[in-house]
Amino acid sequence: MNSYIHPTENAGKAFLQAHVGKGSVIMLNLLRFKSRADYDANPDLAPAHPLSGKDAYNLYMKLARPLIQKAGSRVIFYGETSDFLIGPTSESWDRILLVEHQSAERFVAFAQDPEYLAIAGHRTAALEDSRLLPIAQKHLI
């Protein structure tokens, strides 16, 4: 089973091509947590006591939220999910996160900010799988 935690280079290029210069972008995050957070890739961030993936992600959000705000972005929604009403029964997610960024350029600046990169390992440690779907707002006719 594939898991998706970080964007590929091609996905990043396609994101920029589709969204740069086109206004705000909302990022839909679908999140599935590990039962136990894995800090092997970032041992310097590992807490003194083991954390669940959910707790590691909560720590990540506590640290990331001020950086999100500093970037001029905002958390629109963060909540728990259950089974799809419409969708595959084989797929499930633990949380949904919606973050609005003023632009694709501001999102990229946020994602590359050294302060953010210093805490991003909590996200990596927490997640078993994720999806990140950029959404451009369209006005109804």
Protein backbone atom coordinates (compact mmCIF):
# COMPACT_ATOMS: atom_id res chain seq x y z
CA MET A 1 0.00 0.00 0.00
CA ASN A 2 1.38 3.40 -0.97
CA SER A 3 1.30 6.25 1.50
CA TYR A 4 1.58 9.88 0.59
CA ILE A 5 3.19 12.24 3.07
CA HIS A 6 5.19 14.70 0.92
CA PRO A 7 4.55 16.12 -2.55
CA THR A 8 6.55 14.86 -5.50
CA GLU A 9 8.58 17.28 -7.60
CA ASN A 10 6.16 16.84 -10.51
CA ALA A 11 3.14 17.48 -8.30
CA GLY A 12 4.80 20.65 -6.99
CA LYS A 13 5.44 21.91 -10.51
CA ALA A 14 1.85 21.16 -11.56
CA PHE A 15 0.54 22.95 -8.44
CA LEU A 16 2.58 26.06 -9.25
CA GLN A 17 1.56 26.00 -12.89
CA ALA A 18 -2.13 25.73 -12.01
CA HIS A 19 -2.27 28.20 -9.10
CA VAL A 20 0.44 30.89 -9.28
CA GLY A 21 -1.01 34.31 -9.88
CA LYS A 22 -4.60 33.14 -9.49
CA GLY A 23 -5.46 34.33 -5.97
CA SER A 24 -6.16 32.42 -2.82
CA VAL A 25 -5.91 28.66 -2.57
CA ILE A 26 -7.54 26.42 0.01
CA MET A 27 -5.68 23.25 0.92
CA LEU A 28 -7.85 20.25 1.77
CA ASN A 29 -5.84 17.86 3.95
CA LEU A 30 -7.08 14.30 4.53
CA LEU A 31 -5.11 12.79 7.41
CA ARG A 32 -4.65 9.24 8.68
CA PHE A 33 -2.55 8.83 11.81
CA LYS A 34 -0.13 6.12 12.84
CA SER A 35 -1.08 4.34 16.04
CA ARG A 36 2.33 5.38 17.42
CA ALA A 37 4.29 8.38 16.11
CA ASP A 38 7.56 7.44 14.42
CA TYR A 39 10.38 9.93 14.97
CA ASP A 40 13.10 7.81 13.34
CA ALA A 41 13.53 10.39 10.55
CA ASN A 42 13.62 13.27 13.06
CA PRO A 43 15.06 11.96 16.35
CA ASP A 44 15.91 15.50 17.47
CA LEU A 45 12.16 16.24 17.66
CA ALA A 46 11.22 13.05 19.51
CA PRO A 47 9.48 13.77 22.81
CA ALA A 48 10.67 12.19 26.05
CA HIS A 49 7.67 9.83 26.05
CA PRO A 50 6.14 8.04 23.04
CA LEU A 51 3.14 9.73 21.43
CA SER A 52 0.29 8.44 19.36
CA GLY A 53 0.14 9.73 15.81
CA LYS A 54 -2.89 11.79 16.80
CA ASP A 55 -1.01 13.39 19.70
CA ALA A 56 2.05 14.07 17.53
CA TYR A 57 -0.18 15.78 14.96
CA ASN A 58 -1.84 17.83 17.69
CA LEU A 59 1.65 18.95 18.76
CA TYR A 60 2.46 19.77 15.13
CA MET A 61 -0.71 21.89 14.84
CA LYS A 62 0.04 23.69 18.12
CA LEU A 63 3.46 24.67 16.73
CA ALA A 64 2.34 25.26 13.12
CA ARG A 65 -0.71 27.39 13.77
CA PRO A 66 1.23 30.56 14.73
CA LEU A 67 3.39 30.06 11.62
CA ILE A 68 0.28 29.65 9.48
CA GLN A 69 -1.05 32.93 10.87
CA LYS A 70 2.35 34.65 10.43
CA ALA A 71 2.21 33.66 6.74
CA GLY A 72 -1.14 35.44 6.38
CA SER A 73 -3.00 32.15 6.11
CA ARG A 74 -5.79 30.77 8.26
CA VAL A 75 -7.19 27.47 9.42
CA ILE A 76 -10.77 27.31 8.20
CA PHE A 77 -11.66 23.92 9.65
CA TYR A 78 -10.05 21.10 11.59
CA GLY A 79 -12.19 18.15 12.56
CA GLU A 80 -12.61 14.41 12.95
CA THR A 81 -14.12 12.26 10.24
CA SER A 82 -15.78 8.89 9.94
CA ASP A 83 -16.78 6.71 7.03
CA PHE A 84 -17.72 8.28 3.71
CA LEU A 85 -21.38 8.81 2.98
CA ILE A 86 -20.41 8.62 -0.69
CA GLY A 87 -17.08 7.01 -1.42
CA PRO A 88 -15.10 3.82 -1.06
CA THR A 89 -15.61 1.80 2.10
CA SER A 90 -11.97 0.72 1.91
CA GLU A 91 -10.75 4.28 2.47
CA SER A 92 -10.93 6.11 5.79
CA TRP A 93 -9.41 9.24 7.31
CA ASP A 94 -9.00 10.42 10.88
CA ARG A 95 -9.07 14.17 10.40
CA ILE A 96 -9.79 16.85 7.83
CA LEU A 97 -7.93 20.15 7.76
CA LEU A 98 -8.76 23.14 5.56
CA VAL A 99 -6.22 25.96 5.37
CA GLU A 100 -6.68 29.06 3.25
CA HIS A 101 -3.52 30.65 1.86
CA GLN A 102 -3.57 34.10 0.23
CA SER A 103 -1.83 32.68 -2.82
CA ALA A 104 0.15 29.71 -4.08
CA GLU A 105 3.27 31.81 -3.69
CA ARG A 106 2.48 32.46 -0.01
CA PHE A 107 1.82 28.74 0.52
CA VAL A 108 5.22 27.85 -0.97
CA ALA A 109 6.94 30.52 1.16
CA PHE A 110 5.23 29.07 4.26
CA ALA A 111 6.22 25.50 3.36
CA GLN A 112 9.85 26.56 2.87
CA ASP A 113 10.10 28.78 5.96
CA PRO A 114 12.97 27.54 8.18
CA GLU A 115 10.78 27.93 11.29
CA TYR A 116 8.16 25.68 9.70
CA LEU A 117 10.72 23.15 8.48
CA ALA A 118 12.09 22.92 12.03
CA ILE A 119 8.74 21.55 13.30
CA ALA A 120 7.43 19.73 10.20
CA GLY A 121 8.96 16.45 11.43
CA HIS A 122 6.08 16.15 13.92
CA ARG A 123 3.71 15.93 10.94
CA THR A 124 5.88 13.27 9.28
CA ALA A 125 6.09 11.29 12.53
CA ALA A 126 2.32 11.44 13.00
CA LEU A 127 1.00 10.48 9.58
CA GLU A 128 0.43 7.03 8.16
CA ASP A 129 -1.07 8.54 5.02
CA SER A 130 -2.42 11.84 3.74
CA ARG A 131 -3.84 13.68 0.78
CA LEU A 132 -3.39 17.37 0.01
CA LEU A 133 -5.79 18.82 -2.54
CA PRO A 134 -5.43 22.47 -3.59
CA ILE A 135 -8.77 24.14 -4.23
CA ALA A 136 -9.25 27.37 -6.17
CA GLN A 137 -12.42 29.22 -5.23
CA LYS A 138 -14.88 29.69 -8.09
CA HIS A 139 -17.91 31.93 -7.99
CA LEU A 140 -21.30 30.44 -8.73
CA ILE A 141 -23.01 31.66 -11.85
